[in-house]
Amino acid sequence: RGDSRRALHYSTDGLRLADARFAKYASDRSKYGLASVLGRIYWEQFNLGDPEGAKKNLDRSLAIREELLRKSTSTPQYRRELASVYADRALYYLPEW
């Protein structure tokens, strides 16, 4: 198992860069990158015990992925990744084992 705090730090830097890229180049490609970074940050926050921060980023990733799929319904990758985010969201609401 790696260093979750360091991973969260790097992912947070990646989110800052992805947000800046999207602000400058509001394209589907930059949205896709932003959604991917949000998904990585979700897992790190969740693993570090920040469920509220994790849920915020998961929901943001979900909204972006839903928008991308609405615009391009024939892209299999968008469908797969949206399904994965839905699965993550379901896991978020499962009680502790």
Protein backbone atom coordinates (compact mmCIF):
# COMPACT_ATOMS: atom_id res chain seq x y z
CA ARG A 1 0.00 0.00 0.00
CA GLY A 2 1.36 3.39 -0.94
CA ASP A 3 1.44 6.69 0.89
CA SER A 4 -2.17 7.92 0.73
CA ARG A 5 -1.39 11.39 2.05
CA ARG A 6 1.26 11.94 -0.60
CA ALA A 7 -1.07 10.58 -3.28
CA LEU A 8 -3.78 12.99 -2.12
CA HIS A 9 -1.31 15.87 -2.28
CA TYR A 10 -0.32 15.03 -5.86
CA SER A 11 -3.94 14.46 -6.87
CA THR A 12 -4.94 17.81 -5.39
CA ASP A 13 -2.20 19.49 -7.43
CA GLY A 14 -3.53 17.63 -10.47
CA LEU A 15 -7.03 18.90 -9.74
CA ARG A 16 -5.77 22.48 -9.59
CA LEU A 17 -4.10 22.03 -12.97
CA ALA A 18 -7.14 20.28 -14.48
CA ASP A 19 -9.44 23.07 -13.23
CA ALA A 20 -7.11 25.67 -14.75
CA ARG A 21 -6.96 23.77 -18.04
CA PHE A 22 -10.74 23.51 -18.17
CA ALA A 23 -11.11 27.23 -17.40
CA LYS A 24 -8.77 28.05 -20.28
CA TYR A 25 -9.87 25.35 -22.73
CA ALA A 26 -13.46 24.36 -21.99
CA SER A 27 -13.45 21.23 -24.13
CA ASP A 28 -14.76 17.72 -23.65
CA ARG A 29 -11.18 16.49 -23.45
CA SER A 30 -10.38 18.81 -20.54
CA LYS A 31 -13.68 17.86 -18.85
CA TYR A 32 -12.74 14.21 -19.20
CA GLY A 33 -9.37 14.86 -17.58
CA LEU A 34 -11.00 16.82 -14.77
CA ALA A 35 -13.46 13.99 -14.08
CA SER A 36 -10.57 11.50 -13.95
CA VAL A 37 -8.63 13.58 -11.43
CA LEU A 38 -11.75 14.00 -9.29
CA GLY A 39 -12.15 10.22 -9.24
CA ARG A 40 -8.59 9.72 -7.99
CA ILE A 41 -9.03 12.35 -5.30
CA TYR A 42 -12.29 10.72 -4.22
CA TRP A 43 -10.54 7.45 -3.42
CA GLU A 44 -7.70 9.10 -1.54
CA GLN A 45 -10.06 11.24 0.53
CA PHE A 46 -12.26 8.25 1.24
CA ASN A 47 -9.28 6.13 2.33
CA LEU A 48 -7.98 8.93 4.56
CA GLY A 49 -11.30 9.28 6.39
CA ASP A 50 -12.74 12.39 4.70
CA PRO A 51 -16.08 11.03 3.48
CA GLU A 52 -17.70 14.43 2.97
CA GLY A 53 -14.83 15.74 0.84
CA ALA A 54 -14.79 12.44 -1.04
CA LYS A 55 -18.52 12.61 -1.77
CA LYS A 56 -18.21 16.19 -3.04
CA ASN A 57 -15.55 15.18 -5.58
CA LEU A 58 -17.35 11.97 -6.50
CA ASP A 59 -20.56 13.91 -7.21
CA ARG A 60 -18.67 16.46 -9.27
CA SER A 61 -17.03 13.67 -11.30
CA LEU A 62 -20.43 12.03 -11.77
CA ALA A 63 -22.01 15.23 -13.08
CA ILE A 64 -19.20 15.76 -15.59
CA ARG A 65 -19.33 12.16 -16.80
CA GLU A 66 -23.12 12.29 -17.20
CA GLU A 67 -22.77 15.47 -19.26
CA LEU A 68 -20.09 13.93 -21.46
CA LEU A 69 -22.23 10.86 -22.11
CA ARG A 70 -25.29 12.96 -22.97
CA LYS A 71 -23.24 14.81 -25.57
CA SER A 72 -21.65 11.66 -26.99
CA THR A 73 -23.88 8.66 -26.38
CA SER A 74 -21.93 6.41 -28.74
CA THR A 75 -18.64 6.62 -26.83
CA PRO A 76 -18.18 3.27 -25.02
CA GLN A 77 -15.47 4.66 -22.75
CA TYR A 78 -17.86 7.29 -21.37
CA ARG A 79 -20.44 4.58 -20.63
CA ARG A 80 -17.91 2.33 -18.85
CA GLU A 81 -16.53 5.11 -16.72
CA LEU A 82 -19.94 6.45 -15.80
CA ALA A 83 -20.91 2.94 -14.68
CA SER A 84 -17.74 2.81 -12.57
CA VAL A 85 -18.61 6.12 -10.88
CA TYR A 86 -22.12 4.84 -10.14
CA ALA A 87 -20.53 1.76 -8.52
CA ASP A 88 -18.24 4.00 -6.44
CA ARG A 89 -21.25 6.00 -5.34
CA ALA A 90 -23.05 2.82 -4.28
CA LEU A 91 -20.00 1.75 -2.26
CA TYR A 92 -19.94 5.13 -0.56
CA TYR A 93 -23.36 4.46 0.93
CA LEU A 94 -22.63 0.92 2.14
CA PRO A 95 -22.33 0.59 5.90
CA GLU A 96 -18.94 -0.28 7.42
CA TRP A 97 -18.26 -4.02 7.51
